[in-house]
Amino acid sequence: MCLSIDMIRKLLHIALLAVLITACNSITEPEPEKPQFDELTISDISATAIRWASWRVVKDTRNYRLQEIGFMYSTNPEIPVEKADKCGTEYKGGYYNFGESITGLTPNTTYYACLYCVTNDGKYFKGESQTFKTREQGDFSQVTVQSPLNDNVQLHMIGCYRQSNTSVLVEVAITNNAIQNNSVYRIYYPGYGDNVDGRSYITYIQDDQLTDYVEGSVVYEMNGDISDGSSHGAFFGAGALPLGSTKKLKITVSGVPAAAQQLSLHIMSYFYNYPDYQKIYMVFKNVPIY
């Protein structure tokens, strides 16, 4: 059977229309662009803790409505959202500066971390992954701890780690065993002008033949609150230290020579409402720097 030219044209038009209909049906709406994450900073890495920070966490949400933003981490390189540890907060537009201390980590362990967000429909998005490794748990069994209030205040050395050629991060724990009704507990980082046993109460480092005095800037963190100052006797408010409670204190000591392998830390503090605001002189001697 021979087809006429008109019939062939009609068949070609029908075939072309079928192709166009199939192509249109296969076209789907493009997925909205994923949220863009801000820069993640991980710092103050010790044996059991780190600090994370980000200015905005999520820079641009595009077509997504967010419910939660934050930081997640895991020993699994994939950082699986269903098993990763999360440090998040409810999403609210118009405020910035996020960050928090993460504690309870395992010493000498590699972790993988990233920023994340959760949409209103429960969908997770993750930022670029970063890797960090906690430090080895140092041996501080030979550290000598001294304080005239040893029965009232218990001191414990947690860690002492070199951050750079001139900077050392020190972690200590302070437990209030007997001082009641204190409204404010303050750290008085010692400088020149206060004398104990006939010597100026300052931090010093040593390594066999090496003996030097440190007068650098001081940054300390008390349960996540960061303050800074100098070693010349500035007062730092650390809030109350209720009876029976323990707070961890982080101090960055600047000016520690790279050759130093040992440090002796001298700290002053006092409690408001304690009789005569008596100062507590805390000494950690023979502290190895890891």
Protein backbone atom coordinates (compact mmCIF):
# COMPACT_ATOMS: atom_id res chain seq x y z
CA MET A 1 0.00 0.00 0.00
CA CYS A 2 1.41 3.39 -1.01
CA LEU A 3 0.86 6.35 1.26
CA SER A 4 0.20 9.74 -0.12
CA ILE A 5 2.47 12.65 0.65
CA ASP A 6 -0.29 14.25 2.79
CA MET A 7 -0.68 11.04 4.80
CA ILE A 8 3.09 10.83 5.38
CA ARG A 9 3.15 14.43 6.56
CA LYS A 10 0.29 13.78 8.99
CA LEU A 11 2.07 10.70 10.39
CA LEU A 12 5.30 12.69 10.84
CA HIS A 13 3.39 15.45 12.67
CA ILE A 14 1.76 12.87 14.97
CA ALA A 15 5.15 11.24 15.71
CA LEU A 16 6.78 14.62 16.41
CA LEU A 17 3.90 15.59 18.71
CA ALA A 18 4.27 12.31 20.63
CA VAL A 19 7.98 12.95 21.10
CA LEU A 20 7.33 16.47 22.37
CA ILE A 21 4.67 15.26 24.82
CA THR A 22 7.03 12.56 26.18
CA ALA A 23 9.85 15.08 26.59
CA CYS A 24 7.62 17.54 28.41
CA ASN A 25 6.40 14.85 30.79
CA SER A 26 9.99 13.91 31.67
CA ILE A 27 10.94 17.48 32.67
CA THR A 28 10.88 18.01 36.46
CA GLU A 29 11.24 21.14 38.51
CA PRO A 30 14.92 21.81 39.36
CA GLU A 31 15.87 21.29 43.02
CA PRO A 32 16.41 24.58 44.84
CA GLU A 33 20.02 25.50 45.46
CA LYS A 34 21.30 24.03 48.73
CA PRO A 35 21.90 26.33 51.71
CA GLN A 36 25.32 27.94 51.76
CA PHE A 37 27.28 27.48 54.99
CA ASP A 38 29.61 29.94 56.70
CA GLU A 39 33.18 29.19 57.80
CA LEU A 40 33.68 26.74 60.68
CA THR A 41 36.48 27.32 63.19
CA ILE A 42 37.67 24.60 65.58
CA SER A 43 40.10 25.70 68.31
CA ASP A 44 41.33 25.01 71.86
CA ILE A 45 41.82 21.32 71.11
CA SER A 46 42.74 19.38 74.25
CA ALA A 47 42.53 15.70 75.22
CA THR A 48 38.80 15.79 75.90
CA ALA A 49 37.46 19.11 74.59
CA ILE A 50 37.36 21.56 71.67
CA ARG A 51 35.62 24.83 70.87
CA TRP A 52 33.69 25.41 67.65
CA ALA A 53 32.62 28.78 66.26
CA SER A 54 30.91 30.25 63.22
CA TRP A 55 29.73 33.75 62.48
CA ARG A 56 26.41 32.83 60.84
CA VAL A 57 26.40 29.00 60.34
CA VAL A 58 24.15 29.33 57.26
CA LYS A 59 24.83 32.26 54.93
CA ASP A 60 21.97 31.79 52.48
CA THR A 61 18.91 29.59 52.89
CA ARG A 62 17.54 30.20 49.38
CA ASN A 63 14.18 28.49 49.09
CA TYR A 64 14.46 26.52 52.33
CA ARG A 65 12.82 27.34 55.65
CA LEU A 66 15.11 26.34 58.50
CA GLN A 67 14.20 24.94 61.87
CA GLU A 68 17.61 24.24 63.44
CA ILE A 69 21.26 25.12 62.85
CA GLY A 70 24.44 24.01 64.58
CA PHE A 71 27.53 21.82 64.70
CA MET A 72 27.79 18.03 64.45
CA TYR A 73 30.71 15.63 64.84
CA SER A 74 31.49 11.92 64.71
CA THR A 75 34.36 9.44 64.53
CA ASN A 76 32.78 8.29 61.26
CA PRO A 77 34.18 10.24 58.26
CA GLU A 78 30.68 10.36 56.76
CA ILE A 79 29.30 12.17 59.84
CA PRO A 80 25.96 10.29 59.63
CA VAL A 81 23.17 12.59 60.78
CA GLU A 82 21.30 9.78 62.54
CA LYS A 83 24.30 8.88 64.74
CA ALA A 84 26.46 12.02 64.92
CA ASP A 85 26.62 14.10 68.09
CA LYS A 86 24.95 17.48 67.59
CA CYS A 87 25.28 20.89 69.18
CA GLY A 88 22.38 22.82 67.67
CA THR A 89 19.97 25.64 68.33
CA GLU A 90 16.63 26.79 67.01
CA TYR A 91 17.02 28.85 63.86
CA LYS A 92 16.14 32.52 64.20
CA GLY A 93 17.01 35.06 61.55
CA GLY A 94 18.95 38.21 62.31
CA TYR A 95 21.41 37.09 64.97
CA TYR A 96 24.98 35.92 64.66
CA ASN A 97 28.03 34.57 66.49
CA PHE A 98 27.53 30.91 67.26
CA GLY A 99 29.87 28.63 69.14
CA GLU A 100 30.25 26.43 72.16
CA SER A 101 32.70 24.22 73.99
CA ILE A 102 32.37 20.49 73.34
CA THR A 103 33.54 18.29 76.22
CA GLY A 104 33.65 14.59 76.98
CA LEU A 105 35.67 13.68 73.88
CA THR A 106 37.97 10.66 73.79
CA PRO A 107 41.71 11.43 74.02
CA ASN A 108 43.97 10.73 71.04
CA THR A 109 41.00 10.26 68.68
CA THR A 110 40.29 11.58 65.19
CA TYR A 111 36.92 13.28 64.73
CA TYR A 112 35.09 14.63 61.70
CA ALA A 113 32.90 17.70 62.07
CA CYS A 114 30.75 20.10 60.07
CA LEU A 115 28.08 22.75 60.35
CA TYR A 116 24.54 21.61 59.65
CA CYS A 117 20.97 22.82 59.30
CA VAL A 118 17.57 21.18 59.41
CA THR A 119 14.60 22.38 57.34
CA ASN A 120 11.02 22.59 58.59
CA ASP A 121 10.25 19.30 56.83
CA GLY A 122 13.11 17.52 58.65
CA LYS A 123 15.66 17.49 55.84
CA TYR A 124 19.34 17.76 56.85
CA PHE A 125 22.04 19.69 55.00
CA LYS A 126 25.71 19.55 55.97
CA GLY A 127 28.56 21.98 55.38
CA GLU A 128 32.11 21.15 54.44
CA SER A 129 33.72 18.53 56.67
CA GLN A 130 36.72 19.27 58.88
CA THR A 131 38.99 16.85 60.72
CA PHE A 132 40.52 17.30 64.15
CA LYS A 133 42.34 14.99 66.54
CA THR A 134 42.19 15.24 70.30
CA ARG A 135 45.45 15.26 72.20
CA GLU A 136 46.84 12.43 74.25
CA GLN A 137 45.82 12.40 77.88
CA GLY A 138 48.85 13.79 79.67
CA ASP A 139 50.31 12.27 82.82
CA PHE A 140 49.94 14.85 85.57
CA SER A 141 50.46 12.46 88.49
CA GLN A 142 53.70 14.23 89.46
CA VAL A 143 52.10 17.69 89.58
CA THR A 144 52.19 19.27 93.04
CA VAL A 145 49.04 21.21 93.95
CA GLN A 146 49.15 23.75 96.76
CA SER A 147 46.56 26.05 98.29
CA PRO A 148 46.03 27.40 101.82
CA LEU A 149 42.37 26.36 101.45
CA ASN A 150 42.93 22.78 100.36
CA ASP A 151 40.17 21.55 102.67
CA ASN A 152 37.69 24.05 101.26
CA VAL A 153 38.74 24.08 97.60
CA GLN A 154 39.88 21.03 95.67
CA LEU A 155 42.20 21.62 92.71
CA HIS A 156 42.86 19.23 89.86
CA MET A 157 45.12 19.52 86.82
CA ILE A 158 43.38 18.40 83.63
CA GLY A 159 45.78 19.31 80.84
CA CYS A 160 48.65 21.48 79.64
CA TYR A 161 49.13 21.64 75.88
CA ARG A 162 51.33 23.71 73.61
CA GLN A 163 49.27 25.72 71.14
CA SER A 164 52.17 27.43 69.36
CA ASN A 165 55.85 28.22 69.79
CA THR A 166 54.95 30.85 72.39
CA SER A 167 51.54 29.81 73.72
CA VAL A 168 50.35 27.13 76.15
CA LEU A 169 46.78 26.11 76.99
CA VAL A 170 46.23 25.03 80.60
CA GLU A 171 43.10 23.31 81.96
CA VAL A 172 42.38 22.97 85.67
CA ALA A 173 39.30 22.03 87.68
CA ILE A 174 38.19 23.85 90.83
CA THR A 175 35.70 22.25 93.24
CA ASN A 176 34.03 24.16 96.07
CA ASN A 177 33.95 21.71 98.99
CA ALA A 178 32.99 23.97 101.89
CA ILE A 179 32.45 27.65 100.99
CA GLN A 180 28.77 28.50 101.26
CA ASN A 181 26.65 31.43 100.07
CA ASN A 182 29.19 32.86 97.63
CA SER A 183 27.57 35.17 95.09
CA VAL A 184 30.55 35.68 92.78
CA TYR A 185 33.71 33.70 92.27
CA ARG A 186 36.56 35.63 90.64
CA ILE A 187 39.86 34.73 89.07
CA TYR A 188 42.71 37.08 89.88
CA TYR A 189 45.45 36.25 87.45
CA PRO A 190 48.63 37.17 89.34
CA GLY A 191 50.99 39.91 88.32
CA TYR A 192 53.55 42.07 90.02
CA GLY A 193 52.46 43.75 93.22
CA ASP A 194 51.13 40.80 95.19
CA ASN A 195 53.63 38.86 97.24
CA VAL A 196 53.37 35.46 98.85
CA ASP A 197 56.18 34.08 100.97
CA GLY A 198 58.32 37.02 99.98
CA ARG A 199 58.08 36.57 96.21
CA SER A 200 56.02 38.17 93.50
CA TYR A 201 53.16 35.89 92.57
CA ILE A 202 53.51 35.34 88.85
CA THR A 203 53.48 32.44 86.45
CA TYR A 204 56.84 31.05 85.49
CA ILE A 205 58.17 28.26 83.32
CA GLN A 206 61.24 26.15 83.59
CA ASP A 207 63.16 23.44 81.79
CA ASP A 208 66.35 22.36 83.54
CA GLN A 209 68.67 25.33 82.89
CA LEU A 210 65.84 27.46 81.53
CA THR A 211 63.98 29.76 83.94
CA ASP A 212 61.89 32.65 82.72
CA TYR A 213 58.91 34.76 83.74
CA VAL A 214 55.77 35.10 81.68
CA GLU A 215 53.97 38.43 81.33
CA GLY A 216 51.91 37.78 78.23
CA SER A 217 48.23 38.30 77.61
CA VAL A 218 45.86 35.91 79.31
CA VAL A 219 42.68 34.45 77.87
CA TYR A 220 40.62 32.13 80.03
CA GLU A 221 37.39 30.24 79.61
CA MET A 222 35.13 29.26 82.49
CA ASN A 223 32.33 26.88 81.49
CA GLY A 224 32.16 28.42 78.03
CA ASP A 225 32.43 32.09 79.08
CA ILE A 226 35.57 33.70 77.63
CA SER A 227 37.40 36.67 79.14
CA ASP A 228 40.78 38.17 78.44
CA GLY A 229 43.24 40.52 80.07
CA SER A 230 46.87 40.59 81.10
CA SER A 231 48.99 39.01 83.81
CA HIS A 232 49.18 42.29 85.72
CA GLY A 233 46.53 41.54 88.31
CA ALA A 234 43.28 42.11 86.43
CA PHE A 235 40.08 40.83 88.00
CA PHE A 236 37.90 38.46 86.02
CA GLY A 237 34.34 37.62 87.05
CA ALA A 238 33.54 33.93 86.81
CA GLY A 239 30.12 33.87 88.45
CA ALA A 240 29.27 31.98 91.60
CA LEU A 241 30.81 28.62 92.39
CA PRO A 242 28.07 26.95 94.45
CA LEU A 243 28.87 24.56 97.25
CA GLY A 244 29.73 21.12 95.89
CA SER A 245 30.08 22.26 92.29
CA THR A 246 33.07 22.04 89.96
CA LYS A 247 34.09 24.42 87.21
CA LYS A 248 36.77 23.93 84.60
CA LEU A 249 39.13 26.80 83.95
CA LYS A 250 41.07 27.23 80.71
CA ILE A 251 43.99 29.66 80.64
CA THR A 252 46.13 30.55 77.64
CA VAL A 253 49.55 31.65 78.81
CA SER A 254 51.50 33.66 76.22
CA GLY A 255 55.24 34.11 76.02
CA VAL A 256 56.23 30.54 76.88
CA PRO A 257 59.46 29.75 74.97
CA ALA A 258 59.33 26.81 72.58
CA ALA A 259 62.14 25.09 74.49
CA ALA A 260 60.16 24.98 77.73
CA GLN A 261 58.87 21.55 78.68
CA GLN A 262 57.55 22.33 82.14
CA LEU A 263 55.42 25.02 83.71
CA SER A 264 54.42 26.12 87.19
CA LEU A 265 51.07 27.89 87.22
CA HIS A 266 50.19 30.40 89.94
CA ILE A 267 46.60 31.62 90.13
CA MET A 268 44.84 33.85 92.63
CA SER A 269 41.09 33.84 93.18
CA TYR A 270 38.55 34.76 95.82
CA PHE A 271 34.89 34.37 96.71
CA TYR A 272 32.50 37.23 97.34
CA ASN A 273 30.76 36.79 100.70
CA TYR A 274 33.72 34.76 101.92
CA PRO A 275 35.15 36.29 105.16
CA ASP A 276 37.22 39.34 104.20
CA TYR A 277 37.14 38.18 100.56
CA GLN A 278 40.12 36.04 101.38
CA LYS A 279 42.28 35.33 98.36
CA ILE A 280 42.99 31.76 97.41
CA TYR A 281 46.51 31.20 96.14
CA MET A 282 46.54 28.18 93.86
CA VAL A 283 49.83 26.67 92.71
CA PHE A 284 50.40 23.88 90.20
CA LYS A 285 54.08 22.92 90.19
CA ASN A 286 56.02 20.66 87.83
CA VAL A 287 53.35 20.68 85.12
CA PRO A 288 54.58 18.96 81.92
CA ILE A 289 53.76 20.69 78.63
CA TYR A 290 52.43 18.29 75.99
